[in-house]
Amino acid sequence: MEQRDSRVETTSTSTSSITIHVNGRAMTVERDCPLPRLIENLGLDRRFLVVEYNGEARRREDFDTLVLKEGDRLELVRPVAGG
């Protein structure tokens, strides 16, 4: 999966940001960043995305209520059909 910059919407002070891991890579994001904002900032389409949050697959309907916290681990996968 192509990744952009490893910083997403960081703020000017370290106390306002947290470190999470996305697909095994450390990333700094603003504290209390909602999952949809992260997805959007990474240029991904949530309609075609599978999210594993701290080892648990999450339903698309739950994305809006998920707020990222220090140390969270996400796997973001775009399923590909083929034959």
N, C-alpha and C. Protein backbone atom coordinates (compact mmCIF):
# COMPACT_ATOMS: atom_id res chain seq x y z
N MET A 1 0.85 -1.17 0.00
CA MET A 1 0.00 0.00 0.00
C MET A 1 0.89 1.23 0.00
N GLU A 2 0.61 2.14 -0.86
CA GLU A 2 1.39 3.37 -0.94
C GLU A 2 1.08 4.24 0.26
N GLN A 3 2.13 4.81 0.85
CA GLN A 3 1.92 5.70 1.98
C GLN A 3 2.49 7.05 1.68
N ARG A 4 1.82 8.04 2.14
CA ARG A 4 2.31 9.41 2.03
C ARG A 4 3.24 9.69 3.17
N ASP A 5 3.36 10.92 3.54
CA ASP A 5 4.20 11.34 4.65
C ASP A 5 3.78 10.59 5.91
N SER A 6 4.75 10.28 6.78
CA SER A 6 4.44 9.55 8.00
C SER A 6 3.82 10.44 9.07
N ARG A 7 3.67 11.73 8.81
CA ARG A 7 3.00 12.62 9.74
C ARG A 7 1.65 13.00 9.16
N VAL A 8 0.63 12.90 9.96
CA VAL A 8 -0.71 13.24 9.50
C VAL A 8 -1.30 14.25 10.48
N GLU A 9 -1.55 15.47 9.99
CA GLU A 9 -2.20 16.49 10.81
C GLU A 9 -1.52 16.66 12.16
N THR A 10 -0.21 16.75 12.19
CA THR A 10 0.44 16.96 13.47
C THR A 10 0.30 18.42 13.87
N THR A 11 0.39 18.65 15.14
CA THR A 11 0.30 20.02 15.64
C THR A 11 1.67 20.45 16.11
N SER A 12 1.80 21.68 16.55
CA SER A 12 3.10 22.25 16.84
C SER A 12 3.72 21.76 18.14
N THR A 13 2.95 21.24 19.08
CA THR A 13 3.53 20.80 20.34
C THR A 13 3.41 19.30 20.48
N SER A 14 4.42 18.68 21.06
CA SER A 14 4.44 17.23 21.18
C SER A 14 3.33 16.72 22.09
N THR A 15 2.85 17.53 23.04
CA THR A 15 1.79 17.07 23.92
C THR A 15 0.45 16.98 23.19
N SER A 16 0.37 17.58 22.01
CA SER A 16 -0.86 17.54 21.24
C SER A 16 -0.83 16.46 20.18
N SER A 17 0.21 15.64 20.17
CA SER A 17 0.29 14.58 19.18
C SER A 17 0.60 13.25 19.85
N ILE A 18 0.32 12.18 19.13
CA ILE A 18 0.55 10.83 19.62
C ILE A 18 1.21 10.03 18.51
N THR A 19 1.77 8.90 18.90
CA THR A 19 2.35 7.99 17.92
C THR A 19 1.48 6.74 17.85
N ILE A 20 1.11 6.38 16.63
CA ILE A 20 0.37 5.15 16.36
C ILE A 20 1.17 4.36 15.34
N HIS A 21 0.76 3.14 15.07
CA HIS A 21 1.41 2.32 14.05
C HIS A 21 0.38 1.94 13.00
N VAL A 22 0.69 2.26 11.76
CA VAL A 22 -0.20 1.94 10.64
C VAL A 22 0.57 1.03 9.69
N ASN A 23 0.05 -0.17 9.51
CA ASN A 23 0.70 -1.17 8.66
C ASN A 23 2.17 -1.35 9.04
N GLY A 24 2.42 -1.36 10.35
CA GLY A 24 3.76 -1.62 10.86
C GLY A 24 4.69 -0.42 10.90
N ARG A 25 4.22 0.74 10.49
CA ARG A 25 5.07 1.94 10.47
C ARG A 25 4.57 2.95 11.50
N ALA A 26 5.51 3.51 12.25
CA ALA A 26 5.16 4.54 13.22
C ALA A 26 4.69 5.79 12.49
N MET A 27 3.67 6.42 13.05
CA MET A 27 3.10 7.62 12.45
C MET A 27 2.67 8.55 13.58
N THR A 28 2.92 9.82 13.41
CA THR A 28 2.51 10.82 14.39
C THR A 28 1.23 11.49 13.90
N VAL A 29 0.24 11.52 14.77
CA VAL A 29 -1.04 12.15 14.45
C VAL A 29 -1.47 13.04 15.61
N GLU A 30 -2.43 13.89 15.36
CA GLU A 30 -2.94 14.74 16.44
C GLU A 30 -3.64 13.86 17.48
N ARG A 31 -3.54 14.28 18.73
CA ARG A 31 -4.20 13.56 19.83
C ARG A 31 -5.71 13.54 19.56
N ASP A 32 -6.34 12.42 19.87
CA ASP A 32 -7.78 12.23 19.68
C ASP A 32 -8.22 12.37 18.22
N CYS A 33 -7.35 11.97 17.31
CA CYS A 33 -7.67 12.00 15.88
C CYS A 33 -8.72 10.92 15.58
N PRO A 34 -9.83 11.29 14.96
CA PRO A 34 -10.82 10.28 14.59
C PRO A 34 -10.30 9.43 13.42
N LEU A 35 -10.65 8.17 13.41
CA LEU A 35 -10.22 7.28 12.33
C LEU A 35 -10.57 7.81 10.95
N PRO A 36 -11.78 8.34 10.72
CA PRO A 36 -12.09 8.86 9.38
C PRO A 36 -11.13 9.95 8.91
N ARG A 37 -10.65 10.79 9.82
CA ARG A 37 -9.70 11.84 9.44
C ARG A 37 -8.37 11.23 8.99
N LEU A 38 -7.91 10.21 9.72
CA LEU A 38 -6.68 9.53 9.32
C LEU A 38 -6.83 8.91 7.94
N ILE A 39 -7.94 8.22 7.72
CA ILE A 39 -8.19 7.57 6.43
C ILE A 39 -8.19 8.61 5.31
N GLU A 40 -8.87 9.71 5.53
CA GLU A 40 -8.93 10.78 4.53
C GLU A 40 -7.56 11.38 4.26
N ASN A 41 -6.81 11.65 5.33
CA ASN A 41 -5.48 12.24 5.18
C ASN A 41 -4.49 11.32 4.48
N LEU A 42 -4.73 10.03 4.56
CA LEU A 42 -3.88 9.07 3.86
C LEU A 42 -4.32 8.89 2.40
N GLY A 43 -5.42 9.55 2.02
CA GLY A 43 -5.89 9.48 0.64
C GLY A 43 -6.60 8.17 0.31
N LEU A 44 -7.16 7.53 1.33
CA LEU A 44 -7.84 6.25 1.12
C LEU A 44 -9.35 6.45 1.08
N ASP A 45 -10.02 5.54 0.42
CA ASP A 45 -11.48 5.57 0.33
C ASP A 45 -12.04 4.55 1.31
N ARG A 46 -12.70 5.03 2.33
CA ARG A 46 -13.20 4.14 3.39
C ARG A 46 -14.19 3.11 2.89
N ARG A 47 -14.82 3.36 1.75
CA ARG A 47 -15.76 2.38 1.20
C ARG A 47 -15.07 1.09 0.77
N PHE A 48 -13.78 1.20 0.47
CA PHE A 48 -13.03 0.06 -0.04
C PHE A 48 -11.85 -0.26 0.87
N LEU A 49 -12.09 -0.22 2.17
CA LEU A 49 -11.01 -0.39 3.12
C LEU A 49 -11.42 -1.35 4.24
N VAL A 50 -10.52 -2.25 4.58
CA VAL A 50 -10.70 -3.12 5.73
C VAL A 50 -9.75 -2.58 6.81
N VAL A 51 -10.29 -2.39 8.02
CA VAL A 51 -9.49 -1.83 9.11
C VAL A 51 -9.41 -2.85 10.24
N GLU A 52 -8.18 -3.15 10.63
CA GLU A 52 -7.95 -3.94 11.84
C GLU A 52 -7.38 -2.97 12.87
N TYR A 53 -8.06 -2.85 14.00
CA TYR A 53 -7.71 -1.90 15.04
C TYR A 53 -7.30 -2.67 16.28
N ASN A 54 -6.01 -2.56 16.63
CA ASN A 54 -5.47 -3.28 17.79
C ASN A 54 -5.83 -4.77 17.75
N GLY A 55 -5.68 -5.35 16.56
CA GLY A 55 -5.88 -6.80 16.39
C GLY A 55 -7.31 -7.23 16.14
N GLU A 56 -8.23 -6.29 16.07
CA GLU A 56 -9.64 -6.62 15.89
C GLU A 56 -10.19 -5.95 14.63
N ALA A 57 -10.77 -6.75 13.74
CA ALA A 57 -11.40 -6.19 12.54
C ALA A 57 -12.57 -5.31 12.96
N ARG A 58 -12.67 -4.14 12.35
CA ARG A 58 -13.75 -3.21 12.69
C ARG A 58 -14.70 -3.05 11.52
N ARG A 59 -15.98 -2.94 11.84
CA ARG A 59 -17.00 -2.72 10.81
C ARG A 59 -16.95 -1.28 10.36
N ARG A 60 -17.23 -1.08 9.09
CA ARG A 60 -17.22 0.27 8.51
C ARG A 60 -18.16 1.20 9.29
N GLU A 61 -19.26 0.66 9.77
CA GLU A 61 -20.23 1.46 10.51
C GLU A 61 -19.65 2.00 11.82
N ASP A 62 -18.58 1.37 12.32
CA ASP A 62 -17.97 1.78 13.58
C ASP A 62 -16.86 2.82 13.40
N PHE A 63 -16.46 3.08 12.17
CA PHE A 63 -15.33 3.98 11.92
C PHE A 63 -15.54 5.36 12.56
N ASP A 64 -16.73 5.90 12.45
CA ASP A 64 -16.99 7.27 12.92
C ASP A 64 -16.84 7.43 14.43
N THR A 65 -16.96 6.36 15.18
CA THR A 65 -16.88 6.45 16.64
C THR A 65 -15.49 6.10 17.17
N LEU A 66 -14.59 5.70 16.29
CA LEU A 66 -13.26 5.27 16.72
C LEU A 66 -12.30 6.47 16.76
N VAL A 67 -11.75 6.74 17.93
CA VAL A 67 -10.79 7.83 18.12
C VAL A 67 -9.45 7.20 18.47
N LEU A 68 -8.41 7.62 17.77
CA LEU A 68 -7.09 7.02 17.93
C LEU A 68 -6.43 7.48 19.23
N LYS A 69 -5.72 6.54 19.87
CA LYS A 69 -5.03 6.79 21.13
C LYS A 69 -3.57 6.38 20.99
N GLU A 70 -2.73 6.92 21.86
CA GLU A 70 -1.30 6.60 21.87
C GLU A 70 -1.07 5.09 21.81
N GLY A 71 -0.20 4.66 20.89
CA GLY A 71 0.18 3.26 20.79
C GLY A 71 -0.76 2.37 20.00
N ASP A 72 -1.88 2.92 19.51
CA ASP A 72 -2.80 2.09 18.72
C ASP A 72 -2.07 1.50 17.52
N ARG A 73 -2.52 0.31 17.12
CA ARG A 73 -1.96 -0.38 15.95
C ARG A 73 -3.09 -0.65 14.97
N LEU A 74 -2.88 -0.15 13.76
CA LEU A 74 -3.89 -0.36 12.71
C LEU A 74 -3.27 -1.05 11.51
N GLU A 75 -4.06 -1.90 10.90
CA GLU A 75 -3.74 -2.46 9.59
C GLU A 75 -4.83 -1.97 8.67
N LEU A 76 -4.45 -1.26 7.62
CA LEU A 76 -5.39 -0.73 6.64
C LEU A 76 -5.15 -1.48 5.34
N VAL A 77 -6.17 -2.19 4.88
CA VAL A 77 -6.02 -3.05 3.72
C VAL A 77 -7.10 -2.76 2.70
N ARG A 78 -6.68 -2.63 1.45
CA ARG A 78 -7.63 -2.48 0.34
C ARG A 78 -7.73 -3.82 -0.36
N PRO A 79 -8.88 -4.51 -0.23
CA PRO A 79 -9.05 -5.80 -0.89
C PRO A 79 -8.95 -5.63 -2.41
N VAL A 80 -8.36 -6.63 -3.04
CA VAL A 80 -8.20 -6.61 -4.49
C VAL A 80 -8.81 -7.88 -5.04
N ALA A 81 -9.71 -7.72 -5.99
CA ALA A 81 -10.30 -8.89 -6.65
C ALA A 81 -9.44 -9.28 -7.84
N GLY A 82 -9.45 -10.51 -8.14
CA GLY A 82 -8.65 -10.96 -9.27
C GLY A 82 -8.92 -12.43 -9.55
N GLY A 83 -8.28 -12.89 -10.55
CA GLY A 83 -8.52 -14.29 -10.87
C GLY A 83 -7.37 -14.90 -11.60
